[in-house]
Protein backbone atom coordinates (compact mmCIF):
# COMPACT_ATOMS: atom_id res chain seq x y z
CA UNK A 1 -1.11 -25.28 10.40
CA UNK A 2 -3.04 -23.47 7.65
CA UNK A 3 -1.20 -21.36 5.24
CA UNK A 4 -1.67 -17.78 5.38
CA UNK A 5 -3.45 -16.00 2.49
CA UNK A 6 -1.32 -12.99 1.37
CA UNK A 7 -3.76 -10.77 2.82
CA UNK A 8 -3.76 -12.28 6.14
CA UNK A 9 0.16 -12.42 6.23
CA UNK A 10 0.04 -8.68 5.20
CA UNK A 11 -2.40 -7.70 7.95
CA UNK A 12 -0.57 -9.91 10.60
CA UNK A 13 2.78 -8.04 9.58
CA UNK A 14 1.07 -4.54 9.75
CA UNK A 15 -0.35 -5.46 13.23
CA UNK A 16 3.11 -6.41 14.40
CA UNK A 17 4.67 -3.40 13.09
CA UNK A 18 2.30 -1.19 14.92
CA UNK A 19 1.96 -2.98 18.19
CA UNK A 20 0.70 -1.65 20.66
CA UNK A 21 -1.15 0.90 18.53
CA UNK A 22 -2.58 -1.61 15.95
CA UNK A 23 -6.09 -0.65 15.37
CA UNK A 24 -8.32 -0.52 12.14
CA UNK A 25 -7.56 2.89 10.89
CA UNK A 26 -3.67 2.90 11.83
CA UNK A 27 -3.48 -0.72 10.02
CA UNK A 28 -5.02 0.71 6.97
CA UNK A 29 -2.63 3.93 6.85
CA UNK A 30 0.25 1.71 7.48
CA UNK A 31 -0.91 -0.80 4.45
CA UNK A 32 -1.41 2.20 2.33
CA UNK A 33 2.06 3.58 2.99
CA UNK A 34 3.86 0.40 2.29
CA UNK A 35 1.65 -1.19 -0.59
CA UNK A 36 0.76 2.27 -2.37
CA UNK A 37 -2.98 1.33 -2.53
CA UNK A 38 -5.92 2.19 -0.47
CA UNK A 39 -7.40 -0.73 1.75
CA UNK A 40 -11.20 -0.57 2.25
CA UNK A 41 -12.47 -1.00 5.96
CA UNK A 42 -13.80 -4.54 4.87
CA UNK A 43 -10.68 -5.58 3.41
CA UNK A 44 -9.06 -5.00 6.87
CA UNK A 45 -11.71 -5.70 9.46
CA UNK A 46 -12.96 -9.05 7.67
CA UNK A 47 -9.53 -10.58 7.97
CA UNK A 48 -8.82 -9.21 11.26
CA UNK A 49 -12.02 -11.03 12.66
CA UNK A 50 -11.00 -14.27 10.87
CA UNK A 51 -7.48 -14.00 12.20
CA UNK A 52 -8.83 -13.41 15.87
CA UNK A 53 -11.31 -16.55 15.43
CA UNK A 54 -8.45 -18.70 14.43
CA UNK A 55 -6.46 -17.56 17.55
CA UNK A 56 -3.84 -15.82 15.53
CA UNK A 57 -4.48 -12.40 16.96
CA UNK A 58 -6.18 -11.05 20.31
CA UNK A 59 -7.87 -7.62 20.79
CA UNK A 60 -9.03 -5.41 23.40
CA UNK A 61 -10.98 -2.20 23.69
CA UNK A 62 -9.21 0.86 24.60
CA UNK A 63 -10.59 3.78 26.40
CA UNK A 64 -13.52 5.76 24.88
CA UNK A 65 -12.86 9.31 23.55
CA UNK A 66 -14.89 12.28 22.92
CA UNK A 67 -13.10 12.77 19.51
CA UNK A 68 -14.56 9.47 18.63
CA UNK A 69 -18.10 10.33 19.83
CA UNK A 70 -17.58 8.43 22.77
CA UNK A 71 -16.48 4.99 20.87
CA UNK A 72 -13.42 3.32 21.80
CA UNK A 73 -10.69 1.73 19.52
CA UNK A 74 -10.13 -1.78 19.08
CA UNK A 75 -6.45 -2.68 19.45
CA UNK A 76 -5.15 -5.91 17.98
CA UNK A 77 -1.98 -8.00 19.02
CA UNK A 78 -0.43 -10.95 17.65
CA UNK A 79 -0.79 -14.22 19.66
CA UNK A 80 1.95 -16.73 19.91
CA UNK A 81 0.13 -18.65 17.35
CA UNK A 82 0.09 -15.75 15.13
CA UNK A 83 3.80 -15.08 15.41
CA UNK A 84 4.27 -18.84 14.77
CA UNK A 85 2.20 -18.54 11.61
CA UNK A 86 4.21 -15.61 10.31
CA UNK A 87 7.44 -17.54 10.95
CA UNK A 88 6.12 -20.46 9.10
CA UNK A 89 5.07 -18.19 6.32
CA UNK A 90 8.62 -16.61 5.94
CA UNK A 91 10.18 -20.12 5.99
CA UNK A 92 8.07 -20.87 3.26
CA UNK A 93 8.63 -17.90 1.35
CA UNK A 94 12.32 -18.31 1.92
CA UNK A 95 12.16 -22.04 0.67
CA UNK A 96 10.25 -21.03 -2.55
CA UNK A 97 12.51 -18.01 -3.47
CA UNK A 98 15.72 -20.19 -2.87
CA UNK A 99 14.64 -22.84 -5.38
CA UNK A 100 13.71 -19.79 -8.01
CA UNK A 101 17.27 -18.56 -7.34
CA UNK A 102 18.84 -21.64 -8.15
CA UNK A 103 17.41 -21.30 -11.66
CA UNK A 104 18.14 -17.78 -12.11
CA UNK A 105 15.66 -14.96 -12.87
CA UNK A 106 15.83 -14.98 -16.61
CA UNK A 107 12.82 -15.69 -18.61
CA UNK A 108 14.40 -18.66 -20.61
């Protein structure tokens, strides 16, 4: 399995945290709250598209609404493959941090 980039991992985690209400604007707001930085539309939607193409996410269109000018929201959900990719990313991070912890956190 291909290793997730930090952005891909972050977006997958945001989708999982927001399910079943994970759509672009909500994902951006969640990421801003957690990271303290604004995320552009492209920095969210481009990885969402790529993750869906790789089979890590699935999406569906919600109902259209007058508040959105008749447009519908596109909701995202982790697939089993996406959940497995997140679990592998966590396993990898845990292993890397465990190796660092053995050395301690001093600069010397």
